[in-house]
Each structure stands twice: as structure tokens, then as C-alpha cells.
């Protein structure tokens, strides 16, 4: 039942985002949710779908810590059986793509990540 509750909660959180803003921006980073496009300092970024999804979650949750487990649940699903380090790998690629704007992604030791403006 806990897994079902977590899935329902995740779906509700996602549906709230659909009625909200369609463009998220912070610092020099802009994410157009509908176009699945991101820019850093005016330059278009080439990001994989998971990297775009992580960026979206970070921007939507500015200042809040997103735990690795939460990112895994929301992006890979409750039945994912791999390592939680897959999140670290995608965050690393996202940071590389963001260049100087990567300074906004803060690692919270042994917990996860957060976006700071």
C-alpha cells in the first residue's frame, strides 16, 4: 500500500505542475516545459530526457533538497532495480551541460541535490 500511495502522490504532484508555469527560470537557466528545451546563458542545451526531467524537478523545488530515492521514484519508477547512483551520473552530465550555471546545483552530502539561486 505504501508504494501505491507514493505513486499516487507523485502523480498528483506532476499534475499540479501542468496547470502552473510552462517556463521555469532561475539565474541564467531557462526551461521550456512544453518544448522540452533548456538554455543556459542564452545557449540551447542538448540534454537527455532524464537530464531535462532532473532540471525541471530541481527548478520546481528551488531551495528544497531532493533525495536520490525521491528522484529515482519520480523519474525511473517504483520498480527500478538498479543503483541510486544512476541519479549521480545524470546530475554530472547535467552539470557539464550547464557550464558555469552548474554552480546552482548543490550536492547535499549522503542525501541528494538542491537548486540554489
C-alpha atoms as a PDB file:
ATOM      1  CA  UNK A   1       0.000   0.000   0.000  1.00  0.00           C
ATOM      2  CA  UNK A   2       2.891   2.361   0.695  1.00  0.00           C
ATOM      3  CA  UNK A   3       4.119   2.012  -2.890  1.00  0.00           C
ATOM      4  CA  UNK A   4       0.658   2.704  -4.278  1.00  0.00           C
ATOM      5  CA  UNK A   5       0.340   5.758  -2.053  1.00  0.00           C
ATOM      6  CA  UNK A   6       3.755   7.045  -3.189  1.00  0.00           C
ATOM      7  CA  UNK A   7       2.818   6.576  -6.856  1.00  0.00           C
ATOM      8  CA  UNK A   8      -0.492   8.409  -6.392  1.00  0.00           C
ATOM      9  CA  UNK A   9       1.263  11.226  -4.550  1.00  0.00           C
ATOM     10  CA  UNK A  10       3.838  11.547  -7.365  1.00  0.00           C
ATOM     11  CA  UNK A  11       1.067  11.682  -9.989  1.00  0.00           C
ATOM     12  CA  UNK A  12      -0.721  14.421  -8.060  1.00  0.00           C
ATOM     13  CA  UNK A  13       2.486  16.455  -7.758  1.00  0.00           C
ATOM     14  CA  UNK A  14       3.092  16.114 -11.507  1.00  0.00           C
ATOM     15  CA  UNK A  15      -0.466  17.123 -12.372  1.00  0.00           C
ATOM     16  CA  UNK A  16      -0.133  20.299 -10.303  1.00  0.00           C
ATOM     17  CA  UNK A  17       2.833  21.307 -12.473  1.00  0.00           C
ATOM     18  CA  UNK A  18       0.738  21.024 -15.647  1.00  0.00           C
ATOM     19  CA  UNK A  19      -1.597  23.818 -14.560  1.00  0.00           C
ATOM     20  CA  UNK A  20       1.291  26.032 -13.459  1.00  0.00           C
ATOM     21  CA  UNK A  21       4.070  27.754 -15.304  1.00  0.00           C
ATOM     22  CA  UNK A  22       5.199  26.404 -18.641  1.00  0.00           C
ATOM     23  CA  UNK A  23       8.595  28.148 -18.446  1.00  0.00           C
ATOM     24  CA  UNK A  24      10.850  27.872 -15.431  1.00  0.00           C
ATOM     25  CA  UNK A  25      13.811  30.189 -14.982  1.00  0.00           C
ATOM     26  CA  UNK A  26      16.490  30.712 -12.374  1.00  0.00           C
ATOM     27  CA  UNK A  27      19.737  32.576 -12.682  1.00  0.00           C
ATOM     28  CA  UNK A  28      20.830  32.182 -16.285  1.00  0.00           C
ATOM     29  CA  UNK A  29      18.917  28.931 -16.828  1.00  0.00           C
ATOM     30  CA  UNK A  30      15.553  28.684 -18.601  1.00  0.00           C
ATOM     31  CA  UNK A  31      13.480  25.558 -19.132  1.00  0.00           C
ATOM     32  CA  UNK A  32      10.514  25.498 -21.518  1.00  0.00           C
ATOM     33  CA  UNK A  33       8.483  22.535 -20.293  1.00  0.00           C
ATOM     34  CA  UNK A  34       6.221  22.209 -23.338  1.00  0.00           C
ATOM     35  CA  UNK A  35       9.062  22.468 -25.860  1.00  0.00           C
ATOM     36  CA  UNK A  36      11.360  20.201 -23.787  1.00  0.00           C
ATOM     37  CA  UNK A  37      14.105  22.769 -24.296  1.00  0.00           C
ATOM     38  CA  UNK A  38      16.603  24.310 -21.911  1.00  0.00           C
ATOM     39  CA  UNK A  39      19.005  27.229 -22.200  1.00  0.00           C
ATOM     40  CA  UNK A  40      21.923  28.394 -20.085  1.00  0.00           C
ATOM     41  CA  UNK A  41      23.133  31.953 -20.600  1.00  0.00           C
ATOM     42  CA  UNK A  42      21.112  32.117 -23.824  1.00  0.00           C
ATOM     43  CA  UNK A  43      22.713  28.992 -25.300  1.00  0.00           C
ATOM     44  CA  UNK A  44      20.479  26.000 -26.077  1.00  0.00           C
ATOM     45  CA  UNK A  45      21.430  22.870 -24.156  1.00  0.00           C
ATOM     46  CA  UNK A  46      21.457  19.365 -25.583  1.00  0.00           C
ATOM     47  CA  UNK A  47      20.059  17.308 -22.716  1.00  0.00           C
ATOM     48  CA  UNK A  48      18.800  13.742 -22.485  1.00  0.00           C
ATOM     49  CA  UNK A  49      15.176  13.333 -21.339  1.00  0.00           C
ATOM     50  CA  UNK A  50      16.194  12.278 -17.803  1.00  0.00           C
ATOM     51  CA  UNK A  51      18.510  15.284 -17.503  1.00  0.00           C
ATOM     52  CA  UNK A  52      15.670  17.600 -18.572  1.00  0.00           C
ATOM     53  CA  UNK A  53      13.423  15.923 -16.017  1.00  0.00           C
ATOM     54  CA  UNK A  54      16.006  16.358 -13.239  1.00  0.00           C
ATOM     55  CA  UNK A  55      16.461  20.012 -14.191  1.00  0.00           C
ATOM     56  CA  UNK A  56      12.698  20.514 -14.085  1.00  0.00           C
ATOM     57  CA  UNK A  57      12.389  18.939 -10.637  1.00  0.00           C
ATOM     58  CA  UNK A  58      15.294  20.997  -9.319  1.00  0.00           C
ATOM     59  CA  UNK A  59      13.835  24.243 -10.673  1.00  0.00           C
ATOM     60  CA  UNK A  60      10.355  23.441  -9.367  1.00  0.00           C
ATOM     61  CA  UNK A  61      11.770  22.631  -5.931  1.00  0.00           C
ATOM     62  CA  UNK A  62      14.226  25.524  -5.596  1.00  0.00           C
ATOM     63  CA  UNK A  63      15.888  25.577  -2.201  1.00  0.00           C
ATOM     64  CA  UNK A  64      14.477  22.179  -1.213  1.00  0.00           C
ATOM     65  CA  UNK A  65      16.566  19.032  -1.023  1.00  0.00           C
ATOM     66  CA  UNK A  66      15.519  16.318  -3.462  1.00  0.00           C
ATOM     67  CA  UNK A  67      16.621  12.957  -2.126  1.00  0.00           C
ATOM     68  CA  UNK A  68      18.124  10.430  -4.545  1.00  0.00           C
ATOM     69  CA  UNK A  69      15.363   7.991  -3.615  1.00  0.00           C
ATOM     70  CA  UNK A  70      12.704  10.567  -4.487  1.00  0.00           C
ATOM     71  CA  UNK A  71      14.334  11.284  -7.851  1.00  0.00           C
ATOM     72  CA  UNK A  72      14.523   7.557  -8.574  1.00  0.00           C
ATOM     73  CA  UNK A  73      10.864   7.068  -7.703  1.00  0.00           C
ATOM     74  CA  UNK A  74       9.646  10.041  -9.702  1.00  0.00           C
ATOM     75  CA  UNK A  75      11.808   9.545 -12.798  1.00  0.00           C
ATOM     76  CA  UNK A  76      12.558   5.819 -13.003  1.00  0.00           C
ATOM     77  CA  UNK A  77       9.511   4.432 -11.194  1.00  0.00           C
ATOM     78  CA  UNK A  78       8.993   2.315  -8.127  1.00  0.00           C
ATOM     79  CA  UNK A  79      10.016  -0.891  -9.896  1.00  0.00           C
ATOM     80  CA  UNK A  80      13.526   0.337 -10.831  1.00  0.00           C
ATOM     81  CA  UNK A  81      16.052  -2.204  -9.555  1.00  0.00           C
ATOM     82  CA  UNK A  82      19.351  -0.510 -10.360  1.00  0.00           C
ATOM     83  CA  UNK A  83      21.626   1.608  -8.222  1.00  0.00           C
ATOM     84  CA  UNK A  84      20.662   5.057  -6.958  1.00  0.00           C
ATOM     85  CA  UNK A  85      24.000   6.203  -8.395  1.00  0.00           C
ATOM     86  CA  UNK A  86      22.295   6.487 -11.789  1.00  0.00           C
ATOM     87  CA  UNK A  87      20.969   9.793 -10.436  1.00  0.00           C
ATOM     88  CA  UNK A  88      24.523  10.981  -9.756  1.00  0.00           C
ATOM     89  CA  UNK A  89      25.538  10.077 -13.298  1.00  0.00           C
ATOM     90  CA  UNK A  90      22.718  12.133 -14.831  1.00  0.00           C
ATOM     91  CA  UNK A  91      23.360  15.068 -12.495  1.00  0.00           C
ATOM     92  CA  UNK A  92      27.025  15.000 -13.549  1.00  0.00           C
ATOM     93  CA  UNK A  93      26.021  15.200 -17.227  1.00  0.00           C
ATOM     94  CA  UNK A  94      23.536  17.969 -16.438  1.00  0.00           C
ATOM     95  CA  UNK A  95      26.240  19.968 -14.646  1.00  0.00           C
ATOM     96  CA  UNK A  96      28.588  19.561 -17.611  1.00  0.00           C
ATOM     97  CA  UNK A  97      25.906  20.845 -19.982  1.00  0.00           C
ATOM     98  CA  UNK A  98      25.064  23.825 -17.748  1.00  0.00           C
ATOM     99  CA  UNK A  99      28.661  25.028 -17.687  1.00  0.00           C
ATOM    100  CA  UNK A 100      29.086  27.999 -15.322  1.00  0.00           C
ATOM    101  CA  UNK A 101      25.414  27.757 -14.314  1.00  0.00           C
ATOM    102  CA  UNK A 102      26.108  24.341 -12.755  1.00  0.00           C
ATOM    103  CA  UNK A 103      27.029  26.223  -9.582  1.00  0.00           C
ATOM    104  CA  UNK A 104      23.283  26.328  -8.796  1.00  0.00           C
ATOM    105  CA  UNK A 105      23.125  22.547  -8.286  1.00  0.00           C
ATOM    106  CA  UNK A 106      24.303  21.816  -4.760  1.00  0.00           C
ATOM    107  CA  UNK A 107      25.094  18.338  -3.512  1.00  0.00           C
ATOM    108  CA  UNK A 108      23.660  17.571  -0.076  1.00  0.00           C
ATOM    109  CA  UNK A 109      26.071  15.016   1.382  1.00  0.00           C
ATOM    110  CA  UNK A 110      24.641  11.468   1.531  1.00  0.00           C
ATOM    111  CA  UNK A 111      21.166  12.791   0.722  1.00  0.00           C
ATOM    112  CA  UNK A 112      20.619  14.279  -2.724  1.00  0.00           C
ATOM    113  CA  UNK A 113      20.605  17.601  -4.546  1.00  0.00           C
ATOM    114  CA  UNK A 114      19.053  21.042  -4.452  1.00  0.00           C
ATOM    115  CA  UNK A 115      18.925  24.124  -6.670  1.00  0.00           C
ATOM    116  CA  UNK A 116      20.154  27.386  -5.122  1.00  0.00           C
ATOM    117  CA  UNK A 117      19.783  30.729  -6.829  1.00  0.00           C
END
